[in-house]
């Protein structure tokens, strides 16, 4: 009989490349993934909503609001919500572990 649960130890998670991920779950087309990174992502706009929860480390979240770039520092425990059309990019400060919840196939 197989188990219907799994435990993820985010503080120990690493990847072989920046933004490497482990899939936690797919909830009817919504992916939940644990990411590790030590490098920025790239400016992008998701075609769906995104939840970005910092589990370890710090992340400078850059986002555009009315064509003006803004930056906020996210610490472990902080959550950034990016609605449809929110242009953003994450810049970790050193290593960071992030839980990302978004529509399957989003970038």
PDB file of N, CA and C in Angstrom:
ATOM      1  N   UNK A   1       0.850  -1.176   0.000  1.00  0.00           N
ATOM      2  CA  UNK A   1       0.000   0.000   0.000  1.00  0.00           C
ATOM      3  C   UNK A   1       0.897   1.242   0.000  1.00  0.00           C
ATOM      4  N   UNK A   2       0.598   2.211  -0.829  1.00  0.00           N
ATOM      5  CA  UNK A   2       1.387   3.438  -0.885  1.00  0.00           C
ATOM      6  C   UNK A   2       0.790   4.488   0.038  1.00  0.00           C
ATOM      7  N   UNK A   3       1.651   5.375   0.521  1.00  0.00           N
ATOM      8  CA  UNK A   3       1.213   6.452   1.407  1.00  0.00           C
ATOM      9  C   UNK A   3       0.550   7.560   0.602  1.00  0.00           C
ATOM     10  N   UNK A   4      -0.387   8.233   1.201  1.00  0.00           N
ATOM     11  CA  UNK A   4      -1.031   9.357   0.544  1.00  0.00           C
ATOM     12  C   UNK A   4      -0.554  10.688   1.136  1.00  0.00           C
ATOM     13  N   UNK A   5       0.681  10.671   1.647  1.00  0.00           N
ATOM     14  CA  UNK A   5       1.283  11.895   2.164  1.00  0.00           C
ATOM     15  C   UNK A   5       2.775  11.888   1.870  1.00  0.00           C
ATOM     16  N   UNK A   6       3.366  13.067   1.944  1.00  0.00           N
ATOM     17  CA  UNK A   6       4.814  13.203   1.795  1.00  0.00           C
ATOM     18  C   UNK A   6       5.235  14.420   2.606  1.00  0.00           C
ATOM     19  N   UNK A   7       6.372  14.350   3.220  1.00  0.00           N
ATOM     20  CA  UNK A   7       6.901  15.469   4.010  1.00  0.00           C
ATOM     21  C   UNK A   7       8.039  16.116   3.236  1.00  0.00           C
ATOM     22  N   UNK A   8       8.005  17.433   3.129  1.00  0.00           N
ATOM     23  CA  UNK A   8       9.048  18.200   2.446  1.00  0.00           C
ATOM     24  C   UNK A   8       9.794  19.013   3.492  1.00  0.00           C
ATOM     25  N   UNK A   9      11.081  18.850   3.563  1.00  0.00           N
ATOM     26  CA  UNK A   9      11.935  19.599   4.495  1.00  0.00           C
ATOM     27  C   UNK A   9      12.573  20.743   3.707  1.00  0.00           C
ATOM     28  N   UNK A  10      11.894  21.860   3.637  1.00  0.00           N
ATOM     29  CA  UNK A  10      12.332  22.954   2.765  1.00  0.00           C
ATOM     30  C   UNK A  10      13.695  23.513   3.151  1.00  0.00           C
ATOM     31  N   UNK A  11      14.022  23.525   4.423  1.00  0.00           N
ATOM     32  CA  UNK A  11      15.306  24.121   4.819  1.00  0.00           C
ATOM     33  C   UNK A  11      16.498  23.309   4.331  1.00  0.00           C
ATOM     34  N   UNK A  12      16.286  22.043   3.977  1.00  0.00           N
ATOM     35  CA  UNK A  12      17.354  21.190   3.462  1.00  0.00           C
ATOM     36  C   UNK A  12      17.345  21.068   1.942  1.00  0.00           C
ATOM     37  N   UNK A  13      16.341  21.647   1.295  1.00  0.00           N
ATOM     38  CA  UNK A  13      16.192  21.478  -0.144  1.00  0.00           C
ATOM     39  C   UNK A  13      17.202  22.318  -0.920  1.00  0.00           C
ATOM     40  N   UNK A  14      17.871  21.684  -1.874  1.00  0.00           N
ATOM     41  CA  UNK A  14      18.737  22.385  -2.812  1.00  0.00           C
ATOM     42  C   UNK A  14      18.475  21.823  -4.197  1.00  0.00           C
ATOM     43  N   UNK A  15      18.981  22.520  -5.189  1.00  0.00           N
ATOM     44  CA  UNK A  15      18.845  22.067  -6.571  1.00  0.00           C
ATOM     45  C   UNK A  15      20.191  22.208  -7.252  1.00  0.00           C
ATOM     46  N   UNK A  16      20.330  21.580  -8.407  1.00  0.00           N
ATOM     47  CA  UNK A  16      21.609  21.630  -9.122  1.00  0.00           C
ATOM     48  C   UNK A  16      21.748  22.875  -9.987  1.00  0.00           C
ATOM     49  N   UNK A  17      20.700  23.712  -9.990  1.00  0.00           N
ATOM     50  CA  UNK A  17      20.738  24.967 -10.751  1.00  0.00           C
ATOM     51  C   UNK A  17      19.776  25.958 -10.109  1.00  0.00           C
ATOM     52  N   UNK A  18      19.996  27.231 -10.411  1.00  0.00           N
ATOM     53  CA  UNK A  18      19.103  28.268  -9.896  1.00  0.00           C
ATOM     54  C   UNK A  18      17.679  28.020 -10.385  1.00  0.00           C
ATOM     55  N   UNK A  19      16.716  28.185  -9.515  1.00  0.00           N
ATOM     56  CA  UNK A  19      15.290  28.000  -9.763  1.00  0.00           C
ATOM     57  C   UNK A  19      14.915  26.543 -10.015  1.00  0.00           C
ATOM     58  N   UNK A  20      15.828  25.619  -9.634  1.00  0.00           N
ATOM     59  CA  UNK A  20      15.466  24.216  -9.666  1.00  0.00           C
ATOM     60  C   UNK A  20      14.307  23.995  -8.708  1.00  0.00           C
ATOM     61  N   UNK A  21      13.445  23.030  -9.034  1.00  0.00           N
ATOM     62  CA  UNK A  21      12.231  22.861  -8.241  1.00  0.00           C
ATOM     63  C   UNK A  21      11.891  21.400  -8.012  1.00  0.00           C
ATOM     64  N   UNK A  22      11.151  21.191  -6.951  1.00  0.00           N
ATOM     65  CA  UNK A  22      10.548  19.891  -6.671  1.00  0.00           C
ATOM     66  C   UNK A  22       9.041  20.106  -6.616  1.00  0.00           C
ATOM     67  N   UNK A  23       8.325  19.269  -7.325  1.00  0.00           N
ATOM     68  CA  UNK A  23       6.867  19.388  -7.335  1.00  0.00           C
ATOM     69  C   UNK A  23       6.300  18.850  -6.029  1.00  0.00           C
ATOM     70  N   UNK A  24       5.503  19.671  -5.374  1.00  0.00           N
ATOM     71  CA  UNK A  24       4.843  19.260  -4.143  1.00  0.00           C
ATOM     72  C   UNK A  24       3.488  18.644  -4.481  1.00  0.00           C
ATOM     73  N   UNK A  25       2.727  19.346  -5.351  1.00  0.00           N
ATOM     74  CA  UNK A  25       1.393  18.851  -5.713  1.00  0.00           C
ATOM     75  C   UNK A  25       0.887  19.568  -6.951  1.00  0.00           C
ATOM     76  N   UNK A  26      -0.096  18.936  -7.581  1.00  0.00           N
ATOM     77  CA  UNK A  26      -0.860  19.574  -8.642  1.00  0.00           C
ATOM     78  C   UNK A  26      -2.305  19.483  -8.194  1.00  0.00           C
ATOM     79  N   UNK A  27      -2.883  20.647  -7.917  1.00  0.00           N
ATOM     80  CA  UNK A  27      -4.242  20.712  -7.379  1.00  0.00           C
ATOM     81  C   UNK A  27      -5.197  21.128  -8.490  1.00  0.00           C
ATOM     82  N   UNK A  28      -5.627  20.170  -9.274  1.00  0.00           N
ATOM     83  CA  UNK A  28      -6.567  20.442 -10.368  1.00  0.00           C
ATOM     84  C   UNK A  28      -6.096  21.564 -11.280  1.00  0.00           C
ATOM     85  N   UNK A  29      -4.836  21.489 -11.724  1.00  0.00           N
ATOM     86  CA  UNK A  29      -4.300  22.483 -12.650  1.00  0.00           C
ATOM     87  C   UNK A  29      -3.556  23.631 -12.003  1.00  0.00           C
ATOM     88  N   UNK A  30      -3.447  23.611 -10.689  1.00  0.00           N
ATOM     89  CA  UNK A  30      -2.641  24.591  -9.964  1.00  0.00           C
ATOM     90  C   UNK A  30      -1.440  23.867  -9.382  1.00  0.00           C
ATOM     91  N   UNK A  31      -0.229  24.313  -9.750  1.00  0.00           N
ATOM     92  CA  UNK A  31       0.974  23.637  -9.265  1.00  0.00           C
ATOM     93  C   UNK A  31       1.486  24.280  -7.983  1.00  0.00           C
ATOM     94  N   UNK A  32       2.012  23.447  -7.124  1.00  0.00           N
ATOM     95  CA  UNK A  32       2.679  23.870  -5.889  1.00  0.00           C
ATOM     96  C   UNK A  32       4.080  23.303  -5.995  1.00  0.00           C
ATOM     97  N   UNK A  33       5.078  24.213  -6.047  1.00  0.00           N
ATOM     98  CA  UNK A  33       6.453  23.763  -6.250  1.00  0.00           C
ATOM     99  C   UNK A  33       7.387  24.458  -5.272  1.00  0.00           C
ATOM    100  N   UNK A  34       8.349  23.688  -4.786  1.00  0.00           N
ATOM    101  CA  UNK A  34       9.394  24.201  -3.909  1.00  0.00           C
ATOM    102  C   UNK A  34      10.605  24.523  -4.770  1.00  0.00           C
ATOM    103  N   UNK A  35      11.048  25.775  -4.721  1.00  0.00           N
ATOM    104  CA  UNK A  35      12.191  26.223  -5.521  1.00  0.00           C
ATOM    105  C   UNK A  35      13.378  26.554  -4.620  1.00  0.00           C
ATOM    106  N   UNK A  36      14.568  26.321  -5.136  1.00  0.00           N
ATOM    107  CA  UNK A  36      15.814  26.790  -4.527  1.00  0.00           C
ATOM    108  C   UNK A  36      16.499  27.669  -5.568  1.00  0.00           C
ATOM    109  N   UNK A  37      17.072  28.775  -5.117  1.00  0.00           N
ATOM    110  CA  UNK A  37      17.813  29.623  -6.049  1.00  0.00           C
ATOM    111  C   UNK A  37      18.842  30.472  -5.328  1.00  0.00           C
ATOM    112  N   UNK A  38      19.841  30.869  -6.086  1.00  0.00           N
ATOM    113  CA  UNK A  38      20.821  31.843  -5.609  1.00  0.00           C
ATOM    114  C   UNK A  38      21.056  32.904  -6.677  1.00  0.00           C
ATOM    115  N   UNK A  39      20.183  32.927  -7.686  1.00  0.00           N
ATOM    116  CA  UNK A  39      20.297  33.894  -8.778  1.00  0.00           C
ATOM    117  C   UNK A  39      18.917  34.452  -9.112  1.00  0.00           C
ATOM    118  N   UNK A  40      18.866  35.673  -9.650  1.00  0.00           N
ATOM    119  CA  UNK A  40      17.571  36.250 -10.034  1.00  0.00           C
ATOM    120  C   UNK A  40      16.894  35.433 -11.121  1.00  0.00           C
ATOM    121  N   UNK A  41      15.584  35.585 -11.203  1.00  0.00           N
ATOM    122  CA  UNK A  41      14.813  34.978 -12.285  1.00  0.00           C
ATOM    123  C   UNK A  41      14.870  35.941 -13.462  1.00  0.00           C
ATOM    124  N   UNK A  42      13.793  36.186 -14.141  1.00  0.00           N
ATOM    125  CA  UNK A  42      13.741  37.187 -15.210  1.00  0.00           C
ATOM    126  C   UNK A  42      12.393  37.897 -15.123  1.00  0.00           C
ATOM    127  N   UNK A  43      12.353  39.109 -15.625  1.00  0.00           N
ATOM    128  CA  UNK A  43      11.092  39.842 -15.645  1.00  0.00           C
ATOM    129  C   UNK A  43      10.073  39.002 -16.404  1.00  0.00           C
ATOM    130  N   UNK A  44       8.878  38.872 -15.846  1.00  0.00           N
ATOM    131  CA  UNK A  44       7.830  38.125 -16.507  1.00  0.00           C
ATOM    132  C   UNK A  44       6.459  38.537 -15.978  1.00  0.00           C
ATOM    133  N   UNK A  45       5.460  38.187 -16.742  1.00  0.00           N
ATOM    134  CA  UNK A  45       4.071  38.402 -16.360  1.00  0.00           C
ATOM    135  C   UNK A  45       3.358  37.065 -16.521  1.00  0.00           C
ATOM    136  N   UNK A  46       2.781  36.563 -15.454  1.00  0.00           N
ATOM    137  CA  UNK A  46       2.067  35.292 -15.511  1.00  0.00           C
ATOM    138  C   UNK A  46       0.699  35.493 -16.162  1.00  0.00           C
ATOM    139  N   UNK A  47       0.198  34.419 -16.770  1.00  0.00           N
ATOM    140  CA  UNK A  47      -1.137  34.507 -17.343  1.00  0.00           C
ATOM    141  C   UNK A  47      -2.208  34.095 -16.335  1.00  0.00           C
ATOM    142  N   UNK A  48      -1.777  33.865 -15.116  1.00  0.00           N
ATOM    143  CA  UNK A  48      -2.686  33.553 -14.010  1.00  0.00           C
ATOM    144  C   UNK A  48      -2.124  34.162 -12.737  1.00  0.00           C
ATOM    145  N   UNK A  49      -2.821  33.957 -11.657  1.00  0.00           N
ATOM    146  CA  UNK A  49      -2.357  34.476 -10.369  1.00  0.00           C
ATOM    147  C   UNK A  49      -1.207  33.618  -9.848  1.00  0.00           C
ATOM    148  N   UNK A  50      -0.367  34.229  -8.999  1.00  0.00           N
ATOM    149  CA  UNK A  50       0.778  33.513  -8.423  1.00  0.00           C
ATOM    150  C   UNK A  50       0.924  33.885  -6.953  1.00  0.00           C
ATOM    151  N   UNK A  51       1.186  32.870  -6.149  1.00  0.00           N
ATOM    152  CA  UNK A  51       1.540  33.063  -4.741  1.00  0.00           C
ATOM    153  C   UNK A  51       3.011  32.692  -4.618  1.00  0.00           C
ATOM    154  N   UNK A  52       3.783  33.560  -3.997  1.00  0.00           N
ATOM    155  CA  UNK A  52       5.227  33.422  -3.874  1.00  0.00           C
ATOM    156  C   UNK A  52       5.546  33.540  -2.389  1.00  0.00           C
ATOM    157  N   UNK A  53       5.796  32.411  -1.718  1.00  0.00           N
ATOM    158  CA  UNK A  53       6.025  32.396  -0.269  1.00  0.00           C
ATOM    159  C   UNK A  53       7.487  32.074   0.020  1.00  0.00           C
ATOM    160  N   UNK A  54       8.182  32.987   0.680  1.00  0.00           N
ATOM    161  CA  UNK A  54       9.587  32.779   1.032  1.00  0.00           C
ATOM    162  C   UNK A  54       9.637  31.884   2.271  1.00  0.00           C
ATOM    163  N   UNK A  55      10.274  30.726   2.126  1.00  0.00           N
ATOM    164  CA  UNK A  55      10.401  29.783   3.235  1.00  0.00           C
ATOM    165  C   UNK A  55      11.737  29.921   3.948  1.00  0.00           C
ATOM    166  N   UNK A  56      12.757  30.355   3.220  1.00  0.00           N
ATOM    167  CA  UNK A  56      14.082  30.531   3.807  1.00  0.00           C
ATOM    168  C   UNK A  56      14.867  31.550   3.009  1.00  0.00           C
ATOM    169  N   UNK A  57      15.626  32.381   3.695  1.00  0.00           N
ATOM    170  CA  UNK A  57      16.420  33.405   3.036  1.00  0.00           C
ATOM    171  C   UNK A  57      15.645  34.701   2.868  1.00  0.00           C
ATOM    172  N   UNK A  58      16.177  35.542   1.998  1.00  0.00           N
ATOM    173  CA  UNK A  58      15.556  36.829   1.691  1.00  0.00           C
ATOM    174  C   UNK A  58      15.486  36.994   0.179  1.00  0.00           C
ATOM    175  N   UNK A  59      14.455  37.667  -0.276  1.00  0.00           N
ATOM    176  CA  UNK A  59      14.262  37.907  -1.697  1.00  0.00           C
ATOM    177  C   UNK A  59      13.842  39.355  -1.904  1.00  0.00           C
ATOM    178  N   UNK A  60      14.545  40.039  -2.791  1.00  0.00           N
ATOM    179  CA  UNK A  60      14.095  41.363  -3.220  1.00  0.00           C
ATOM    180  C   UNK A  60      13.136  41.138  -4.380  1.00  0.00           C
ATOM    181  N   UNK A  61      11.872  41.488  -4.184  1.00  0.00           N
ATOM    182  CA  UNK A  61      10.881  41.336  -5.247  1.00  0.00           C
ATOM    183  C   UNK A  61      10.740  42.675  -5.953  1.00  0.00           C
ATOM    184  N   UNK A  62      11.071  42.659  -7.238  1.00  0.00           N
ATOM    185  CA  UNK A  62      10.914  43.838  -8.081  1.00  0.00           C
ATOM    186  C   UNK A  62       9.589  43.672  -8.821  1.00  0.00           C
ATOM    187  N   UNK A  63       8.803  44.729  -8.881  1.00  0.00           N
ATOM    188  CA  UNK A  63       7.539  44.668  -9.603  1.00  0.00           C
ATOM    189  C   UNK A  63       7.236  46.041 -10.182  1.00  0.00           C
ATOM    190  N   UNK A  64       6.391  46.050 -11.184  1.00  0.00           N
ATOM    191  CA  UNK A  64       6.033  47.311 -11.829  1.00  0.00           C
ATOM    192  C   UNK A  64       4.595  47.642 -11.492  1.00  0.00           C
ATOM    193  N   UNK A  65       4.411  48.893 -11.088  1.00  0.00           N
ATOM    194  CA  UNK A  65       3.083  49.401 -10.775  1.00  0.00           C
ATOM    195  C   UNK A  65       2.937  50.734 -11.486  1.00  0.00           C
ATOM    196  N   UNK A  66       2.010  50.815 -12.432  1.00  0.00           N
ATOM    197  CA  UNK A  66       1.806  52.012 -13.255  1.00  0.00           C
ATOM    198  C   UNK A  66       3.115  52.451 -13.904  1.00  0.00           C
ATOM    199  N   UNK A  67       3.803  51.488 -14.525  1.00  0.00           N
ATOM    200  CA  UNK A  67       5.064  51.690 -15.250  1.00  0.00           C
ATOM    201  C   UNK A  67       6.225  52.147 -14.370  1.00  0.00           C
ATOM    202  N   UNK A  68       6.083  52.075 -13.072  1.00  0.00           N
ATOM    203  CA  UNK A  68       7.163  52.444 -12.154  1.00  0.00           C
ATOM    204  C   UNK A  68       7.669  51.186 -11.451  1.00  0.00           C
ATOM    205  N   UNK A  69       9.003  50.970 -11.487  1.00  0.00           N
ATOM    206  CA  UNK A  69       9.582  49.816 -10.807  1.00  0.00           C
ATOM    207  C   UNK A  69       9.647  50.069  -9.316  1.00  0.00           C
ATOM    208  N   UNK A  70       9.179  49.086  -8.557  1.00  0.00           N
ATOM    209  CA  UNK A  70       9.225  49.149  -7.098  1.00  0.00           C
ATOM    210  C   UNK A  70       9.915  47.886  -6.608  1.00  0.00           C
ATOM    211  N   UNK A  71      10.473  47.959  -5.410  1.00  0.00           N
ATOM    212  CA  UNK A  71      11.186  46.825  -4.820  1.00  0.00           C
ATOM    213  C   UNK A  71      10.749  46.685  -3.360  1.00  0.00           C
ATOM    214  N   UNK A  72      10.490  45.454  -2.964  1.00  0.00           N
ATOM    215  CA  UNK A  72      10.205  45.183  -1.564  1.00  0.00           C
ATOM    216  C   UNK A  72      11.035  43.979  -1.126  1.00  0.00           C
ATOM    217  N   UNK A  73      11.495  44.002   0.108  1.00  0.00           N
ATOM    218  CA  UNK A  73      12.291  42.902   0.645  1.00  0.00           C
ATOM    219  C   UNK A  73      11.367  41.910   1.332  1.00  0.00           C
ATOM    220  N   UNK A  74      11.432  40.661   0.889  1.00  0.00           N
ATOM    221  CA  UNK A  74      10.646  39.583   1.489  1.00  0.00           C
ATOM    222  C   UNK A  74      11.562  38.715   2.334  1.00  0.00           C
ATOM    223  N   UNK A  75      11.169  38.487   3.566  1.00  0.00           N
ATOM    224  CA  UNK A  75      11.909  37.628   4.488  1.00  0.00           C
ATOM    225  C   UNK A  75      11.183  36.297   4.627  1.00  0.00           C
ATOM    226  N   UNK A  76      11.827  35.330   5.264  1.00  0.00           N
ATOM    227  CA  UNK A  76      11.194  34.035   5.506  1.00  0.00           C
ATOM    228  C   UNK A  76       9.857  34.258   6.198  1.00  0.00           C
ATOM    229  N   UNK A  77       8.829  33.657   5.644  1.00  0.00           N
ATOM    230  CA  UNK A  77       7.481  33.813   6.184  1.00  0.00           C
ATOM    231  C   UNK A  77       6.641  34.824   5.421  1.00  0.00           C
ATOM    232  N   UNK A  78       7.272  35.646   4.583  1.00  0.00           N
ATOM    233  CA  UNK A  78       6.537  36.648   3.806  1.00  0.00           C
ATOM    234  C   UNK A  78       5.985  36.031   2.526  1.00  0.00           C
ATOM    235  N   UNK A  79       4.861  36.570   2.081  1.00  0.00           N
ATOM    236  CA  UNK A  79       4.186  36.077   0.883  1.00  0.00           C
ATOM    237  C   UNK A  79       3.920  37.253  -0.052  1.00  0.00           C
ATOM    238  N   UNK A  80       4.222  37.054  -1.336  1.00  0.00           N
ATOM    239  CA  UNK A  80       3.947  38.044  -2.382  1.00  0.00           C
ATOM    240  C   UNK A  80       2.870  37.477  -3.287  1.00  0.00           C
ATOM    241  N   UNK A  81       1.813  38.232  -3.508  1.00  0.00           N
ATOM    242  CA  UNK A  81       0.749  37.827  -4.417  1.00  0.00           C
ATOM    243  C   UNK A  81       0.894  38.626  -5.703  1.00  0.00           C
ATOM    244  N   UNK A  82       1.000  37.941  -6.829  1.00  0.00           N
ATOM    245  CA  UNK A  82       1.062  38.589  -8.137  1.00  0.00           C
ATOM    246  C   UNK A  82      -0.226  38.257  -8.876  1.00  0.00           C
ATOM    247  N   UNK A  83      -1.044  39.263  -9.071  1.00  0.00           N
ATOM    248  CA  UNK A  83      -2.284  39.069  -9.812  1.00  0.00           C
ATOM    249  C   UNK A  83      -2.002  38.976 -11.307  1.00  0.00           C
ATOM    250  N   UNK A  84      -3.012  38.644 -12.069  1.00  0.00           N
ATOM    251  CA  UNK A  84      -2.886  38.552 -13.519  1.00  0.00           C
ATOM    252  C   UNK A  84      -2.396  39.893 -14.053  1.00  0.00           C
ATOM    253  N   UNK A  85      -1.332  39.856 -14.849  1.00  0.00           N
ATOM    254  CA  UNK A  85      -0.786  41.069 -15.438  1.00  0.00           C
ATOM    255  C   UNK A  85       0.270  41.778 -14.606  1.00  0.00           C
ATOM    256  N   UNK A  86       0.599  41.248 -13.415  1.00  0.00           N
ATOM    257  CA  UNK A  86       1.626  41.865 -12.575  1.00  0.00           C
ATOM    258  C   UNK A  86       3.010  41.465 -13.084  1.00  0.00           C
ATOM    259  N   UNK A  87       3.758  42.425 -13.609  1.00  0.00           N
ATOM    260  CA  UNK A  87       5.115  42.153 -14.085  1.00  0.00           C
ATOM    261  C   UNK A  87       6.058  42.178 -12.886  1.00  0.00           C
ATOM    262  N   UNK A  88       6.887  41.139 -12.747  1.00  0.00           N
ATOM    263  CA  UNK A  88       7.737  41.036 -11.562  1.00  0.00           C
ATOM    264  C   UNK A  88       8.961  40.175 -11.837  1.00  0.00           C
ATOM    265  N   UNK A  89       9.941  40.288 -10.937  1.00  0.00           N
ATOM    266  CA  UNK A  89      11.135  39.445 -10.974  1.00  0.00           C
ATOM    267  C   UNK A  89      11.674  39.336  -9.548  1.00  0.00           C
ATOM    268  N   UNK A  90      12.099  38.125  -9.180  1.00  0.00           N
ATOM    269  CA  UNK A  90      12.637  37.869  -7.844  1.00  0.00           C
ATOM    270  C   UNK A  90      14.156  37.844  -7.885  1.00  0.00           C
ATOM    271  N   UNK A  91      14.767  38.559  -6.942  1.00  0.00           N
ATOM    272  CA  UNK A  91      16.225  38.590  -6.788  1.00  0.00           C
ATOM    273  C   UNK A  91      16.558  38.087  -5.379  1.00  0.00           C
ATOM    274  N   UNK A  92      17.030  36.840  -5.253  1.00  0.00           N
ATOM    275  CA  UNK A  92      17.390  36.356  -3.924  1.00  0.00           C
ATOM    276  C   UNK A  92      18.618  37.093  -3.393  1.00  0.00           C
ATOM    277  N   UNK A  93      18.674  37.222  -2.086  1.00  0.00           N
ATOM    278  CA  UNK A  93      19.851  37.773  -1.415  1.00  0.00           C
ATOM    279  C   UNK A  93      20.587  36.566  -0.850  1.00  0.00           C
ATOM    280  N   UNK A  94      21.571  36.054  -1.603  1.00  0.00           N
ATOM    281  CA  UNK A  94      22.197  34.771  -1.253  1.00  0.00           C
ATOM    282  C   UNK A  94      21.279  33.645  -1.689  1.00  0.00           C
ATOM    283  N   UNK A  95      21.195  32.592  -0.888  1.00  0.00           N
ATOM    284  CA  UNK A  95      20.314  31.459  -1.203  1.00  0.00           C
ATOM    285  C   UNK A  95      18.914  31.718  -0.663  1.00  0.00           C
ATOM    286  N   UNK A  96      17.924  31.224  -1.392  1.00  0.00           N
ATOM    287  CA  UNK A  96      16.543  31.334  -0.924  1.00  0.00           C
ATOM    288  C   UNK A  96      15.767  30.083  -1.314  1.00  0.00           C
ATOM    289  N   UNK A  97      14.786  29.766  -0.493  1.00  0.00           N
ATOM    290  CA  UNK A  97      13.858  28.673  -0.759  1.00  0.00           C
ATOM    291  C   UNK A  97      12.456  29.265  -0.787  1.00  0.00           C
ATOM    292  N   UNK A  98      11.742  28.956  -1.863  1.00  0.00           N
ATOM    293  CA  UNK A  98      10.484  29.633  -2.124  1.00  0.00           C
ATOM    294  C   UNK A  98       9.429  28.607  -2.523  1.00  0.00           C
ATOM    295  N   UNK A  99       8.236  28.754  -1.996  1.00  0.00           N
ATOM    296  CA  UNK A  99       7.106  27.948  -2.409  1.00  0.00           C
ATOM    297  C   UNK A  99       6.295  28.780  -3.392  1.00  0.00           C
ATOM    298  N   UNK A 100       6.105  28.263  -4.611  1.00  0.00           N
ATOM    299  CA  UNK A 100       5.371  28.978  -5.650  1.00  0.00           C
ATOM    300  C   UNK A 100       4.115  28.183  -5.988  1.00  0.00           C
ATOM    301  N   UNK A 101       2.980  28.884  -5.945  1.00  0.00           N
ATOM    302  CA  UNK A 101       1.693  28.291  -6.282  1.00  0.00           C
ATOM    303  C   UNK A 101       1.150  29.080  -7.465  1.00  0.00           C
ATOM    304  N   UNK A 102       0.914  28.369  -8.584  1.00  0.00           N
ATOM    305  CA  UNK A 102       0.473  29.062  -9.793  1.00  0.00           C
ATOM    306  C   UNK A 102      -0.205  28.088 -10.736  1.00  0.00           C
ATOM    307  N   UNK A 103      -0.842  28.654 -11.747  1.00  0.00           N
ATOM    308  CA  UNK A 103      -1.497  27.866 -12.786  1.00  0.00           C
ATOM    309  C   UNK A 103      -0.480  26.996 -13.505  1.00  0.00           C
ATOM    310  N   UNK A 104      -0.813  25.751 -13.728  1.00  0.00           N
ATOM    311  CA  UNK A 104       0.083  24.830 -14.425  1.00  0.00           C
ATOM    312  C   UNK A 104       0.500  25.410 -15.765  1.00  0.00           C
ATOM    313  N   UNK A 105       1.816  25.334 -16.046  1.00  0.00           N
ATOM    314  CA  UNK A 105       2.345  25.845 -17.302  1.00  0.00           C
ATOM    315  C   UNK A 105       2.786  27.296 -17.268  1.00  0.00           C
ATOM    316  N   UNK A 106       2.582  27.989 -16.158  1.00  0.00           N
ATOM    317  CA  UNK A 106       3.045  29.372 -16.045  1.00  0.00           C
ATOM    318  C   UNK A 106       4.564  29.402 -16.041  1.00  0.00           C
ATOM    319  N   UNK A 107       5.126  30.559 -16.384  1.00  0.00           N
ATOM    320  CA  UNK A 107       6.579  30.673 -16.393  1.00  0.00           C
ATOM    321  C   UNK A 107       7.080  31.174 -15.058  1.00  0.00           C
TER     322      UNK A 107
END
